[in-house]
PDB file of N, CA and C in Angstrom:
ATOM      1  N   UNK A   1     -17.958  50.593-115.506  1.00  0.00           N
ATOM      2  CA  UNK A   1     -16.893  50.960-114.596  1.00  0.00           C
ATOM      3  C   UNK A   1     -16.128  49.696-114.201  1.00  0.00           C
ATOM      4  N   UNK A   2     -14.827  49.698-114.328  1.00  0.00           N
ATOM      5  CA  UNK A   2     -14.025  48.553-113.911  1.00  0.00           C
ATOM      6  C   UNK A   2     -13.275  48.911-112.633  1.00  0.00           C
ATOM      7  N   UNK A   3     -13.228  47.963-111.729  1.00  0.00           N
ATOM      8  CA  UNK A   3     -12.545  48.165-110.462  1.00  0.00           C
ATOM      9  C   UNK A   3     -11.093  47.760-110.605  1.00  0.00           C
ATOM     10  N   UNK A   4     -10.200  48.694-110.401  1.00  0.00           N
ATOM     11  CA  UNK A   4      -8.771  48.400-110.457  1.00  0.00           C
ATOM     12  C   UNK A   4      -8.194  48.597-109.074  1.00  0.00           C
ATOM     13  N   UNK A   5      -7.192  47.829-108.766  1.00  0.00           N
ATOM     14  CA  UNK A   5      -6.532  47.920-107.487  1.00  0.00           C
ATOM     15  C   UNK A   5      -5.177  48.574-107.707  1.00  0.00           C
ATOM     16  N   UNK A   6      -4.178  48.226-106.985  1.00  0.00           N
ATOM     17  CA  UNK A   6      -2.863  48.829-107.163  1.00  0.00           C
ATOM     18  C   UNK A   6      -2.167  48.210-108.365  1.00  0.00           C
ATOM     19  N   UNK A   7      -1.600  49.039-109.201  1.00  0.00           N
ATOM     20  CA  UNK A   7      -0.961  48.577-110.433  1.00  0.00           C
ATOM     21  C   UNK A   7       0.283  47.741-110.129  1.00  0.00           C
ATOM     22  N   UNK A   8       0.325  46.580-110.754  1.00  0.00           N
ATOM     23  CA  UNK A   8       1.522  45.750-110.696  1.00  0.00           C
ATOM     24  C   UNK A   8       1.755  44.976-109.410  1.00  0.00           C
ATOM     25  N   UNK A   9       0.755  44.811-108.544  1.00  0.00           N
ATOM     26  CA  UNK A   9       0.997  44.086-107.299  1.00  0.00           C
ATOM     27  C   UNK A   9       0.250  42.755-107.203  1.00  0.00           C
ATOM     28  N   UNK A  10      -0.712  42.489-108.055  1.00  0.00           N
ATOM     29  CA  UNK A  10      -1.463  41.229-107.984  1.00  0.00           C
ATOM     30  C   UNK A  10      -0.527  40.056-108.270  1.00  0.00           C
ATOM     31  N   UNK A  11      -0.710  38.976-107.541  1.00  0.00           N
ATOM     32  CA  UNK A  11       0.170  37.813-107.655  1.00  0.00           C
ATOM     33  C   UNK A  11      -0.367  36.740-108.597  1.00  0.00           C
ATOM     34  N   UNK A  12      -1.478  37.004-109.269  1.00  0.00           N
ATOM     35  CA  UNK A  12      -2.102  36.034-110.159  1.00  0.00           C
ATOM     36  C   UNK A  12      -1.186  35.652-111.314  1.00  0.00           C
ATOM     37  N   UNK A  13      -1.027  34.328-111.499  1.00  0.00           N
ATOM     38  CA  UNK A  13      -0.229  33.787-112.601  1.00  0.00           C
ATOM     39  C   UNK A  13      -1.024  32.676-113.268  1.00  0.00           C
ATOM     40  N   UNK A  14      -0.879  32.553-114.575  1.00  0.00           N
ATOM     41  CA  UNK A  14      -1.531  31.505-115.356  1.00  0.00           C
ATOM     42  C   UNK A  14      -0.487  30.728-116.134  1.00  0.00           C
ATOM     43  N   UNK A  15      -0.488  29.418-115.952  1.00  0.00           N
ATOM     44  CA  UNK A  15       0.388  28.536-116.717  1.00  0.00           C
ATOM     45  C   UNK A  15      -0.450  28.010-117.879  1.00  0.00           C
ATOM     46  N   UNK A  16      -0.342  28.660-119.029  1.00  0.00           N
ATOM     47  CA  UNK A  16      -1.168  28.304-120.186  1.00  0.00           C
ATOM     48  C   UNK A  16      -0.940  26.874-120.659  1.00  0.00           C
ATOM     49  N   UNK A  17       0.244  26.339-120.427  1.00  0.00           N
ATOM     50  CA  UNK A  17       0.534  24.968-120.843  1.00  0.00           C
ATOM     51  C   UNK A  17      -0.305  23.957-120.052  1.00  0.00           C
ATOM     52  N   UNK A  18      -0.648  24.274-118.804  1.00  0.00           N
ATOM     53  CA  UNK A  18      -1.464  23.384-117.979  1.00  0.00           C
ATOM     54  C   UNK A  18      -2.958  23.539-118.250  1.00  0.00           C
ATOM     55  N   UNK A  19      -3.361  24.682-118.766  1.00  0.00           N
ATOM     56  CA  UNK A  19      -4.786  24.987-118.952  1.00  0.00           C
ATOM     57  C   UNK A  19      -5.427  24.003-119.929  1.00  0.00           C
ATOM     58  N   UNK A  20      -6.584  23.450-119.508  1.00  0.00           N
ATOM     59  CA  UNK A  20      -7.314  22.508-120.357  1.00  0.00           C
ATOM     60  C   UNK A  20      -8.544  23.152-121.000  1.00  0.00           C
ATOM     61  N   UNK A  21      -8.748  24.433-120.735  1.00  0.00           N
ATOM     62  CA  UNK A  21      -9.846  25.161-121.368  1.00  0.00           C
ATOM     63  C   UNK A  21     -11.230  24.865-120.828  1.00  0.00           C
ATOM     64  N   UNK A  22     -11.327  24.473-119.564  1.00  0.00           N
ATOM     65  CA  UNK A  22     -12.637  24.139-118.992  1.00  0.00           C
ATOM     66  C   UNK A  22     -13.501  25.380-118.743  1.00  0.00           C
ATOM     67  N   UNK A  23     -12.872  26.531-118.548  1.00  0.00           N
ATOM     68  CA  UNK A  23     -13.596  27.782-118.349  1.00  0.00           C
ATOM     69  C   UNK A  23     -14.098  28.038-116.944  1.00  0.00           C
ATOM     70  N   UNK A  24     -13.787  27.163-115.989  1.00  0.00           N
ATOM     71  CA  UNK A  24     -14.234  27.372-114.607  1.00  0.00           C
ATOM     72  C   UNK A  24     -13.733  28.691-114.049  1.00  0.00           C
ATOM     73  N   UNK A  25     -12.498  29.044-114.336  1.00  0.00           N
ATOM     74  CA  UNK A  25     -11.918  30.286-113.813  1.00  0.00           C
ATOM     75  C   UNK A  25     -12.700  31.504-114.309  1.00  0.00           C
ATOM     76  N   UNK A  26     -13.107  31.470-115.550  1.00  0.00           N
ATOM     77  CA  UNK A  26     -13.872  32.573-116.140  1.00  0.00           C
ATOM     78  C   UNK A  26     -15.233  32.691-115.455  1.00  0.00           C
ATOM     79  N   UNK A  27     -15.845  31.555-115.169  1.00  0.00           N
ATOM     80  CA  UNK A  27     -17.168  31.543-114.533  1.00  0.00           C
ATOM     81  C   UNK A  27     -17.146  32.077-113.111  1.00  0.00           C
ATOM     82  N   UNK A  28     -16.092  31.799-112.347  1.00  0.00           N
ATOM     83  CA  UNK A  28     -16.077  32.165-110.931  1.00  0.00           C
ATOM     84  C   UNK A  28     -15.420  33.499-110.622  1.00  0.00           C
ATOM     85  N   UNK A  29     -14.694  34.078-111.550  1.00  0.00           N
ATOM     86  CA  UNK A  29     -13.996  35.347-111.289  1.00  0.00           C
ATOM     87  C   UNK A  29     -14.994  36.498-111.152  1.00  0.00           C
ATOM     88  N   UNK A  30     -15.038  37.165-109.987  1.00  0.00           N
ATOM     89  CA  UNK A  30     -16.013  38.239-109.784  1.00  0.00           C
ATOM     90  C   UNK A  30     -15.723  39.520-110.558  1.00  0.00           C
ATOM     91  N   UNK A  31     -14.508  39.675-111.081  1.00  0.00           N
ATOM     92  CA  UNK A  31     -14.161  40.901-111.790  1.00  0.00           C
ATOM     93  C   UNK A  31     -13.768  40.681-113.242  1.00  0.00           C
ATOM     94  N   UNK A  32     -14.103  39.541-113.791  1.00  0.00           N
ATOM     95  CA  UNK A  32     -13.827  39.236-115.202  1.00  0.00           C
ATOM     96  C   UNK A  32     -12.361  39.473-115.569  1.00  0.00           C
ATOM     97  N   UNK A  33     -11.474  38.994-114.712  1.00  0.00           N
ATOM     98  CA  UNK A  33     -10.038  39.122-114.950  1.00  0.00           C
ATOM     99  C   UNK A  33      -9.579  38.123-116.012  1.00  0.00           C
ATOM    100  N   UNK A  34     -10.363  37.068-116.185  1.00  0.00           N
ATOM    101  CA  UNK A  34     -10.007  36.012-117.130  1.00  0.00           C
ATOM    102  C   UNK A  34     -11.064  35.890-118.213  1.00  0.00           C
ATOM    103  N   UNK A  35     -10.629  35.448-119.388  1.00  0.00           N
ATOM    104  CA  UNK A  35     -11.543  35.176-120.489  1.00  0.00           C
ATOM    105  C   UNK A  35     -11.026  33.973-121.249  1.00  0.00           C
ATOM    106  N   UNK A  36     -11.872  33.385-122.048  1.00  0.00           N
ATOM    107  CA  UNK A  36     -11.451  32.277-122.896  1.00  0.00           C
ATOM    108  C   UNK A  36     -10.995  32.853-124.228  1.00  0.00           C
ATOM    109  N   UNK A  37      -9.848  32.405-124.672  1.00  0.00           N
ATOM    110  CA  UNK A  37      -9.298  32.816-125.959  1.00  0.00           C
ATOM    111  C   UNK A  37      -8.937  31.536-126.697  1.00  0.00           C
ATOM    112  N   UNK A  38      -9.729  31.217-127.690  1.00  0.00           N
ATOM    113  CA  UNK A  38      -9.555  29.918-128.333  1.00  0.00           C
ATOM    114  C   UNK A  38      -9.985  28.853-127.345  1.00  0.00           C
ATOM    115  N   UNK A  39      -9.123  27.939-127.046  1.00  0.00           N
ATOM    116  CA  UNK A  39      -9.442  26.864-126.103  1.00  0.00           C
ATOM    117  C   UNK A  39      -8.647  26.996-124.804  1.00  0.00           C
ATOM    118  N   UNK A  40      -8.187  28.191-124.485  1.00  0.00           N
ATOM    119  CA  UNK A  40      -7.387  28.422-123.279  1.00  0.00           C
ATOM    120  C   UNK A  40      -7.889  29.657-122.546  1.00  0.00           C
ATOM    121  N   UNK A  41      -7.649  29.672-121.235  1.00  0.00           N
ATOM    122  CA  UNK A  41      -7.944  30.864-120.445  1.00  0.00           C
ATOM    123  C   UNK A  41      -6.845  31.895-120.705  1.00  0.00           C
ATOM    124  N   UNK A  42      -7.207  33.149-120.525  1.00  0.00           N
ATOM    125  CA  UNK A  42      -6.260  34.244-120.718  1.00  0.00           C
ATOM    126  C   UNK A  42      -6.565  35.319-119.679  1.00  0.00           C
ATOM    127  N   UNK A  43      -5.515  35.902-119.087  1.00  0.00           N
ATOM    128  CA  UNK A  43      -5.698  37.009-118.155  1.00  0.00           C
ATOM    129  C   UNK A  43      -5.911  38.276-118.967  1.00  0.00           C
ATOM    130  N   UNK A  44      -7.033  38.965-118.729  1.00  0.00           N
ATOM    131  CA  UNK A  44      -7.337  40.185-119.484  1.00  0.00           C
ATOM    132  C   UNK A  44      -6.644  41.400-118.896  1.00  0.00           C
ATOM    133  N   UNK A  45      -6.700  41.543-117.566  1.00  0.00           N
ATOM    134  CA  UNK A  45      -6.077  42.686-116.892  1.00  0.00           C
ATOM    135  C   UNK A  45      -5.790  42.281-115.452  1.00  0.00           C
ATOM    136  N   UNK A  46      -4.565  41.899-115.190  1.00  0.00           N
ATOM    137  CA  UNK A  46      -4.192  41.396-113.863  1.00  0.00           C
ATOM    138  C   UNK A  46      -4.420  42.449-112.777  1.00  0.00           C
ATOM    139  N   UNK A  47      -4.382  43.719-113.117  1.00  0.00           N
ATOM    140  CA  UNK A  47      -4.583  44.771-112.124  1.00  0.00           C
ATOM    141  C   UNK A  47      -6.025  44.849-111.622  1.00  0.00           C
ATOM    142  N   UNK A  48      -6.945  44.145-112.267  1.00  0.00           N
ATOM    143  CA  UNK A  48      -8.326  44.083-111.791  1.00  0.00           C
ATOM    144  C   UNK A  48      -8.518  42.953-110.779  1.00  0.00           C
ATOM    145  N   UNK A  49      -7.510  42.116-110.593  1.00  0.00           N
ATOM    146  CA  UNK A  49      -7.595  40.973-109.694  1.00  0.00           C
ATOM    147  C   UNK A  49      -7.609  41.421-108.236  1.00  0.00           C
ATOM    148  N   UNK A  50      -8.609  40.935-107.481  1.00  0.00           N
ATOM    149  CA  UNK A  50      -8.694  41.249-106.061  1.00  0.00           C
ATOM    150  C   UNK A  50      -8.120  40.131-105.197  1.00  0.00           C
ATOM    151  N   UNK A  51      -7.502  39.145-105.839  1.00  0.00           N
ATOM    152  CA  UNK A  51      -6.824  38.035-105.181  1.00  0.00           C
ATOM    153  C   UNK A  51      -7.726  37.252-104.236  1.00  0.00           C
ATOM    154  N   UNK A  52      -8.961  37.001-104.661  1.00  0.00           N
ATOM    155  CA  UNK A  52      -9.897  36.234-103.831  1.00  0.00           C
ATOM    156  C   UNK A  52      -9.569  34.748-103.850  1.00  0.00           C
ATOM    157  N   UNK A  53      -8.952  34.273-104.925  1.00  0.00           N
ATOM    158  CA  UNK A  53      -8.559  32.873-105.035  1.00  0.00           C
ATOM    159  C   UNK A  53      -9.602  31.963-105.653  1.00  0.00           C
ATOM    160  N   UNK A  54     -10.732  32.512-106.073  1.00  0.00           N
ATOM    161  CA  UNK A  54     -11.788  31.673-106.649  1.00  0.00           C
ATOM    162  C   UNK A  54     -11.311  30.949-107.904  1.00  0.00           C
ATOM    163  N   UNK A  55     -10.568  31.610-108.753  1.00  0.00           N
ATOM    164  CA  UNK A  55     -10.100  30.993-109.996  1.00  0.00           C
ATOM    165  C   UNK A  55      -9.165  29.825-109.713  1.00  0.00           C
ATOM    166  N   UNK A  56      -8.168  30.043-108.879  1.00  0.00           N
ATOM    167  CA  UNK A  56      -7.201  28.990-108.562  1.00  0.00           C
ATOM    168  C   UNK A  56      -7.869  27.845-107.806  1.00  0.00           C
ATOM    169  N   UNK A  57      -8.783  28.164-106.921  1.00  0.00           N
ATOM    170  CA  UNK A  57      -9.462  27.144-106.142  1.00  0.00           C
ATOM    171  C   UNK A  57     -10.379  26.260-106.962  1.00  0.00           C
ATOM    172  N   UNK A  58     -10.803  26.748-108.116  1.00  0.00           N
ATOM    173  CA  UNK A  58     -11.710  25.976-108.973  1.00  0.00           C
ATOM    174  C   UNK A  58     -11.036  25.401-110.209  1.00  0.00           C
ATOM    175  N   UNK A  59      -9.747  25.619-110.363  1.00  0.00           N
ATOM    176  CA  UNK A  59      -9.028  25.090-111.522  1.00  0.00           C
ATOM    177  C   UNK A  59      -8.660  23.630-111.263  1.00  0.00           C
ATOM    178  N   UNK A  60      -9.189  22.707-112.072  1.00  0.00           N
ATOM    179  CA  UNK A  60      -8.940  21.285-111.823  1.00  0.00           C
ATOM    180  C   UNK A  60      -7.513  20.834-112.125  1.00  0.00           C
ATOM    181  N   UNK A  61      -6.734  21.658-112.820  1.00  0.00           N
ATOM    182  CA  UNK A  61      -5.370  21.250-113.176  1.00  0.00           C
ATOM    183  C   UNK A  61      -4.304  22.190-112.591  1.00  0.00           C
ATOM    184  N   UNK A  62      -4.708  23.067-111.676  1.00  0.00           N
ATOM    185  CA  UNK A  62      -3.798  23.994-111.005  1.00  0.00           C
ATOM    186  C   UNK A  62      -2.999  24.850-111.991  1.00  0.00           C
ATOM    187  N   UNK A  63      -3.676  25.328-113.025  1.00  0.00           N
ATOM    188  CA  UNK A  63      -3.024  26.197-114.004  1.00  0.00           C
ATOM    189  C   UNK A  63      -2.916  27.637-113.503  1.00  0.00           C
ATOM    190  N   UNK A  64      -3.703  27.969-112.489  1.00  0.00           N
ATOM    191  CA  UNK A  64      -3.685  29.310-111.915  1.00  0.00           C
ATOM    192  C   UNK A  64      -3.106  29.273-110.517  1.00  0.00           C
ATOM    193  N   UNK A  65      -2.338  30.297-110.194  1.00  0.00           N
ATOM    194  CA  UNK A  65      -1.784  30.405-108.852  1.00  0.00           C
ATOM    195  C   UNK A  65      -1.803  31.853-108.412  1.00  0.00           C
ATOM    196  N   UNK A  66      -1.922  32.054-107.123  1.00  0.00           N
ATOM    197  CA  UNK A  66      -1.845  33.382-106.533  1.00  0.00           C
ATOM    198  C   UNK A  66      -1.715  33.240-105.035  1.00  0.00           C
ATOM    199  N   UNK A  67      -1.286  34.302-104.420  1.00  0.00           N
ATOM    200  CA  UNK A  67      -1.215  34.368-102.963  1.00  0.00           C
ATOM    201  C   UNK A  67      -2.417  35.191-102.545  1.00  0.00           C
ATOM    202  N   UNK A  68      -3.458  34.530-102.061  1.00  0.00           N
ATOM    203  CA  UNK A  68      -4.718  35.207-101.766  1.00  0.00           C
ATOM    204  C   UNK A  68      -4.522  36.434-100.884  1.00  0.00           C
ATOM    205  N   UNK A  69      -4.931  37.578-101.407  1.00  0.00           N
ATOM    206  CA  UNK A  69      -4.922  38.820-100.648  1.00  0.00           C
ATOM    207  C   UNK A  69      -3.569  39.402-100.325  1.00  0.00           C
ATOM    208  N   UNK A  70      -2.504  38.831-100.848  1.00  0.00           N
ATOM    209  CA  UNK A  70      -1.159  39.255-100.464  1.00  0.00           C
ATOM    210  C   UNK A  70      -0.693  40.526-101.174  1.00  0.00           C
ATOM    211  N   UNK A  71      -0.809  40.587-102.470  1.00  0.00           N
ATOM    212  CA  UNK A  71      -0.227  41.693-103.240  1.00  0.00           C
ATOM    213  C   UNK A  71      -0.657  43.069-102.781  1.00  0.00           C
ATOM    214  N   UNK A  72      -1.933  43.352-102.860  1.00  0.00           N
ATOM    215  CA  UNK A  72      -2.425  44.679-102.499  1.00  0.00           C
ATOM    216  C   UNK A  72      -2.236  44.979-101.025  1.00  0.00           C
ATOM    217  N   UNK A  73      -2.598  44.036-100.161  1.00  0.00           N
ATOM    218  CA  UNK A  73      -2.511  44.278 -98.726  1.00  0.00           C
ATOM    219  C   UNK A  73      -1.075  44.542 -98.293  1.00  0.00           C
ATOM    220  N   UNK A  74      -0.154  43.714 -98.734  1.00  0.00           N
ATOM    221  CA  UNK A  74       1.243  43.884 -98.341  1.00  0.00           C
ATOM    222  C   UNK A  74       1.816  45.179 -98.902  1.00  0.00           C
ATOM    223  N   UNK A  75       1.462  45.517-100.122  1.00  0.00           N
ATOM    224  CA  UNK A  75       1.966  46.747-100.730  1.00  0.00           C
ATOM    225  C   UNK A  75       1.463  47.984 -99.979  1.00  0.00           C
ATOM    226  N   UNK A  76       0.204  47.989 -99.601  1.00  0.00           N
ATOM    227  CA  UNK A  76      -0.362  49.126 -98.871  1.00  0.00           C
ATOM    228  C   UNK A  76       0.286  49.257 -97.500  1.00  0.00           C
ATOM    229  N   UNK A  77       0.385  48.143 -96.769  1.00  0.00           N
ATOM    230  CA  UNK A  77       0.977  48.182 -95.430  1.00  0.00           C
ATOM    231  C   UNK A  77       2.429  48.627 -95.477  1.00  0.00           C
ATOM    232  N   UNK A  78       3.203  48.053 -96.389  1.00  0.00           N
ATOM    233  CA  UNK A  78       4.611  48.428 -96.516  1.00  0.00           C
ATOM    234  C   UNK A  78       4.754  49.893 -96.902  1.00  0.00           C
ATOM    235  N   UNK A  79       3.912  50.371 -97.814  1.00  0.00           N
ATOM    236  CA  UNK A  79       3.941  51.783 -98.202  1.00  0.00           C
ATOM    237  C   UNK A  79       3.649  52.703 -97.034  1.00  0.00           C
ATOM    238  N   UNK A  80       2.677  52.326 -96.208  1.00  0.00           N
ATOM    239  CA  UNK A  80       2.342  53.141 -95.030  1.00  0.00           C
ATOM    240  C   UNK A  80       3.486  53.163 -94.024  1.00  0.00           C
ATOM    241  N   UNK A  81       4.101  52.008 -93.789  1.00  0.00           N
ATOM    242  CA  UNK A  81       5.204  51.918 -92.832  1.00  0.00           C
ATOM    243  C   UNK A  81       6.408  52.726 -93.303  1.00  0.00           C
ATOM    244  N   UNK A  82       6.729  52.597 -94.581  1.00  0.00           N
ATOM    245  CA  UNK A  82       7.909  53.279 -95.137  1.00  0.00           C
ATOM    246  C   UNK A  82       7.627  54.706 -95.566  1.00  0.00           C
ATOM    247  N   UNK A  83       6.342  55.076 -95.635  1.00  0.00           N
ATOM    248  CA  UNK A  83       5.996  56.416 -96.097  1.00  0.00           C
ATOM    249  C   UNK A  83       6.194  56.585 -97.596  1.00  0.00           C
ATOM    250  N   UNK A  84       6.038  55.486 -98.357  1.00  0.00           N
ATOM    251  CA  UNK A  84       6.223  55.519 -99.809  1.00  0.00           C
ATOM    252  C   UNK A  84       4.928  55.095-100.501  1.00  0.00           C
ATOM    253  N   UNK A  85       4.936  55.172-101.812  1.00  0.00           N
ATOM    254  CA  UNK A  85       3.799  54.691-102.587  1.00  0.00           C
ATOM    255  C   UNK A  85       3.717  53.174-102.459  1.00  0.00           C
ATOM    256  N   UNK A  86       2.513  52.611-102.450  1.00  0.00           N
ATOM    257  CA  UNK A  86       2.384  51.152-102.388  1.00  0.00           C
ATOM    258  C   UNK A  86       3.042  50.503-103.605  1.00  0.00           C
ATOM    259  N   UNK A  87       3.950  49.576-103.369  1.00  0.00           N
ATOM    260  CA  UNK A  87       4.631  48.859-104.447  1.00  0.00           C
ATOM    261  C   UNK A  87       5.281  47.610-103.875  1.00  0.00           C
ATOM    262  N   UNK A  88       5.423  46.619-104.699  1.00  0.00           N
ATOM    263  CA  UNK A  88       6.142  45.415-104.290  1.00  0.00           C
ATOM    264  C   UNK A  88       6.718  44.749-105.530  1.00  0.00           C
ATOM    265  N   UNK A  89       7.369  43.626-105.361  1.00  0.00           N
ATOM    266  CA  UNK A  89       8.007  42.943-106.472  1.00  0.00           C
ATOM    267  C   UNK A  89       7.112  42.014-107.255  1.00  0.00           C
ATOM    268  N   UNK A  90       5.826  41.936-106.924  1.00  0.00           N
ATOM    269  CA  UNK A  90       4.945  40.981-107.586  1.00  0.00           C
ATOM    270  C   UNK A  90       4.860  41.220-109.080  1.00  0.00           C
ATOM    271  N   UNK A  91       4.832  42.466-109.498  1.00  0.00           N
ATOM    272  CA  UNK A  91       4.736  42.784-110.910  1.00  0.00           C
ATOM    273  C   UNK A  91       5.955  42.388-111.709  1.00  0.00           C
ATOM    274  N   UNK A  92       7.084  42.232-111.029  1.00  0.00           N
ATOM    275  CA  UNK A  92       8.319  41.836-111.707  1.00  0.00           C
ATOM    276  C   UNK A  92       8.646  40.371-111.506  1.00  0.00           C
ATOM    277  N   UNK A  93       7.689  39.605-110.985  1.00  0.00           N
ATOM    278  CA  UNK A  93       7.894  38.165-110.827  1.00  0.00           C
ATOM    279  C   UNK A  93       8.553  37.763-109.522  1.00  0.00           C
ATOM    280  N   UNK A  94       8.817  38.709-108.634  1.00  0.00           N
ATOM    281  CA  UNK A  94       9.436  38.381-107.353  1.00  0.00           C
ATOM    282  C   UNK A  94       8.393  38.123-106.299  1.00  0.00           C
ATOM    283  N   UNK A  95       8.863  37.757-105.122  1.00  0.00           N
ATOM    284  CA  UNK A  95       7.940  37.570-104.015  1.00  0.00           C
ATOM    285  C   UNK A  95       7.458  38.917-103.539  1.00  0.00           C
ATOM    286  N   UNK A  96       6.271  38.935-103.004  1.00  0.00           N
ATOM    287  CA  UNK A  96       5.668  40.178-102.553  1.00  0.00           C
ATOM    288  C   UNK A  96       6.418  40.725-101.350  1.00  0.00           C
ATOM    289  N   UNK A  97       6.818  41.939-101.456  1.00  0.00           N
ATOM    290  CA  UNK A  97       7.472  42.710-100.392  1.00  0.00           C
ATOM    291  C   UNK A  97       8.459  41.887 -99.644  1.00  0.00           C
TER     292      UNK A  97
END
Protein backbone atom coordinates (compact mmCIF):
# COMPACT_ATOMS: atom_id res chain seq x y z
CA UNK A 1 0.00 0.00 0.00
CA UNK A 2 1.43 3.40 -0.92
CA UNK A 3 0.40 6.55 0.89
CA UNK A 4 -0.58 9.34 -1.47
CA UNK A 5 -1.53 12.83 -0.48
CA UNK A 6 -3.22 15.47 -2.62
CA UNK A 7 -2.33 15.22 -6.30
CA UNK A 8 -0.13 17.97 -7.66
CA UNK A 9 0.44 20.01 -4.48
CA UNK A 10 3.80 18.77 -3.12
CA UNK A 11 6.53 21.40 -3.43
CA UNK A 12 9.43 18.93 -3.73
CA UNK A 13 11.91 19.82 -6.49
CA UNK A 14 15.16 18.13 -7.52
CA UNK A 15 17.96 19.89 -9.37
CA UNK A 16 19.59 16.90 -11.07
CA UNK A 17 22.54 19.01 -12.20
CA UNK A 18 23.50 19.61 -8.54
CA UNK A 19 23.00 15.99 -7.45
CA UNK A 20 26.25 14.18 -6.65
CA UNK A 21 24.63 10.76 -6.22
CA UNK A 22 25.38 10.30 -2.52
CA UNK A 23 22.00 8.64 -1.91
CA UNK A 24 21.32 10.34 1.44
CA UNK A 25 17.90 11.50 0.25
CA UNK A 26 16.91 7.94 -0.65
CA UNK A 27 18.02 6.67 2.76
CA UNK A 28 16.08 9.25 4.80
CA UNK A 29 12.83 9.51 2.82
CA UNK A 30 10.08 7.78 4.86
CA UNK A 31 7.88 7.16 1.81
CA UNK A 32 10.43 6.14 -0.83
CA UNK A 33 9.69 9.19 -2.96
CA UNK A 34 13.26 9.13 -4.26
CA UNK A 35 15.41 6.42 -5.80
CA UNK A 36 18.84 6.20 -7.35
CA UNK A 37 18.88 5.98 -11.12
CA UNK A 38 22.37 5.51 -12.43
CA UNK A 39 24.47 7.89 -10.37
CA UNK A 40 21.72 10.44 -9.65
CA UNK A 41 18.67 10.70 -7.43
CA UNK A 42 15.28 10.64 -9.12
CA UNK A 43 11.79 11.49 -7.84
CA UNK A 44 9.60 8.40 -8.28
CA UNK A 45 6.21 9.89 -7.37
CA UNK A 46 6.06 13.43 -6.02
CA UNK A 47 2.46 12.89 -4.87
CA UNK A 48 3.75 10.47 -2.21
CA UNK A 49 5.82 13.27 -0.63
CA UNK A 50 4.63 14.32 2.83
CA UNK A 51 6.95 17.35 2.78
CA UNK A 52 8.81 16.39 5.96
CA UNK A 53 12.04 17.93 4.64
CA UNK A 54 14.31 15.02 5.54
CA UNK A 55 15.67 14.72 1.99
CA UNK A 56 16.48 18.41 1.58
CA UNK A 57 17.88 18.66 5.09
CA UNK A 58 20.31 15.82 4.44
CA UNK A 59 21.40 16.78 0.92
CA UNK A 60 25.01 18.03 1.13
CA UNK A 61 24.75 20.02 -2.12
CA UNK A 62 21.20 21.43 -1.76
CA UNK A 63 19.95 19.60 -4.86
CA UNK A 64 16.54 19.14 -3.24
CA UNK A 65 14.17 21.87 -2.18
CA UNK A 66 10.68 22.04 -0.73
CA UNK A 67 8.51 24.12 1.52
CA UNK A 68 8.06 21.81 4.50
CA UNK A 69 4.40 20.99 5.02
CA UNK A 70 3.18 23.80 2.78
CA UNK A 71 1.61 22.13 -0.27
CA UNK A 72 -0.95 19.81 1.27
CA UNK A 73 -1.75 21.95 4.31
CA UNK A 74 -2.27 25.15 2.34
CA UNK A 75 -4.31 23.39 -0.34
CA UNK A 76 -6.63 21.79 2.23
CA UNK A 77 -7.12 25.02 4.20
CA UNK A 78 -7.74 27.10 1.08
CA UNK A 79 -10.18 24.49 -0.26
CA UNK A 80 -12.12 24.53 3.01
CA UNK A 81 -12.26 28.33 3.11
CA UNK A 82 -13.34 28.65 -0.52
CA UNK A 83 -15.55 25.57 -0.50
CA UNK A 84 -13.59 24.03 -3.40
CA UNK A 85 -11.45 20.97 -3.95
CA UNK A 86 -7.95 21.25 -2.46
CA UNK A 87 -5.63 22.64 -5.14
CA UNK A 88 -2.79 25.09 -5.50
CA UNK A 89 -0.18 26.19 -8.02
CA UNK A 90 2.61 23.95 -6.74
CA UNK A 91 2.03 21.34 -9.42
CA UNK A 92 2.44 23.96 -12.13
CA UNK A 93 5.65 25.41 -10.70
CA UNK A 94 4.03 28.41 -8.99
CA UNK A 95 4.03 29.37 -5.37
CA UNK A 96 1.61 27.53 -3.17
CA UNK A 97 -1.79 29.18 -2.94
